[in-house]
Amino acid sequence: MCVLFAFLLFTALLFGLGFALHVLWWIAFIFLIFWLIGLAFRPRADAGTTGNAAAADRSDRTGPGRGSPLYSTLPERCPSG
């Protein structure tokens, strides 16, 4: 009787895992579709920019650049001398 109960428990466990994996595959497929739609309809960079806008955006993330008044307060990388 104990072996039969263990077999039924194991069968139910395998059935639950199989169902969960099947559902997870469908969820992954739905997310793949949304990701592909996002790639297809993402905003494109303007063709008319000279790159200055992108450089300004980049400097906001990386810190002050050479044109910034804060640049003179930064320590030298290599001491001249």
Protein backbone atom coordinates (compact mmCIF):
# COMPACT_ATOMS: atom_id res chain seq x y z
CA MET A 1 0.00 0.00 0.00
CA CYS A 2 2.85 2.38 0.84
CA VAL A 3 4.49 1.73 -2.54
CA LEU A 4 1.21 2.50 -4.31
CA PHE A 5 0.85 5.75 -2.36
CA ALA A 6 4.47 6.73 -3.17
CA PHE A 7 3.88 5.92 -6.85
CA LEU A 8 0.72 8.07 -6.94
CA LEU A 9 2.51 10.92 -5.16
CA PHE A 10 5.43 10.72 -7.59
CA THR A 11 3.02 10.64 -10.57
CA ALA A 12 1.19 13.71 -9.26
CA LEU A 13 4.50 15.49 -8.73
CA LEU A 14 5.61 14.74 -12.29
CA PHE A 15 2.22 15.82 -13.63
CA GLY A 16 2.46 19.12 -11.72
CA LEU A 17 6.01 19.78 -12.93
CA GLY A 18 5.03 18.99 -16.51
CA PHE A 19 2.06 21.33 -16.33
CA ALA A 20 4.17 24.08 -14.75
CA LEU A 21 6.87 23.71 -17.40
CA HIS A 22 4.27 23.80 -20.15
CA VAL A 23 2.79 27.01 -18.72
CA LEU A 24 6.27 28.53 -18.33
CA TRP A 25 7.03 27.80 -21.99
CA TRP A 26 3.87 29.70 -23.02
CA ILE A 27 4.79 32.63 -20.77
CA ALA A 28 8.31 32.72 -22.26
CA PHE A 29 6.80 32.66 -25.76
CA ILE A 30 4.52 35.61 -24.93
CA PHE A 31 7.47 37.58 -23.55
CA LEU A 32 9.46 36.77 -26.69
CA ILE A 33 6.66 38.19 -28.84
CA PHE A 34 6.55 41.40 -26.76
CA TRP A 35 10.36 41.69 -26.96
CA LEU A 36 10.30 41.33 -30.75
CA ILE A 37 7.52 43.92 -31.01
CA GLY A 38 9.58 46.25 -28.82
CA LEU A 39 12.59 45.80 -31.10
CA ALA A 40 10.51 46.50 -34.18
CA PHE A 41 8.90 49.67 -32.84
CA ARG A 42 11.68 51.20 -30.74
CA PRO A 43 12.50 54.87 -31.34
CA ARG A 44 15.22 55.45 -33.89
CA ALA A 45 17.99 58.04 -33.60
CA ASP A 46 17.49 61.14 -35.74
CA ALA A 47 19.53 61.08 -38.93
CA GLY A 48 20.02 64.87 -38.87
CA THR A 49 21.92 65.14 -35.57
CA THR A 50 25.64 65.74 -35.57
CA GLY A 51 26.26 63.63 -32.51
CA ASN A 52 26.46 66.55 -30.08
CA ALA A 53 23.14 65.66 -28.49
CA ALA A 54 24.33 62.10 -27.93
CA ALA A 55 27.61 63.37 -26.46
CA ALA A 56 25.70 65.68 -24.12
CA ASP A 57 23.51 62.81 -22.97
CA ARG A 58 26.58 60.65 -22.45
CA SER A 59 28.34 63.34 -20.41
CA ASP A 60 25.35 63.45 -18.07
CA ARG A 61 25.97 59.80 -17.28
CA THR A 62 29.76 59.85 -17.16
CA GLY A 63 30.35 63.12 -15.32
CA PRO A 64 31.72 66.51 -16.32
CA GLY A 65 33.67 66.77 -19.55
CA ARG A 66 36.45 69.14 -20.59
CA GLY A 67 33.98 71.93 -21.38
CA SER A 68 32.50 71.83 -17.89
CA PRO A 69 33.55 74.38 -15.22
CA LEU A 70 33.89 71.43 -12.84
CA TYR A 71 36.57 69.88 -15.00
CA SER A 72 39.24 72.23 -13.68
CA THR A 73 38.56 71.02 -10.12
CA LEU A 74 39.23 67.39 -11.01
CA PRO A 75 42.67 66.04 -10.13
CA GLU A 76 45.14 65.42 -12.94
CA ARG A 77 45.45 61.86 -14.16
CA CYS A 78 49.16 62.10 -14.84
CA PRO A 79 51.10 64.79 -13.05
CA SER A 80 53.06 66.90 -15.50
CA GLY A 81 56.49 67.49 -14.43
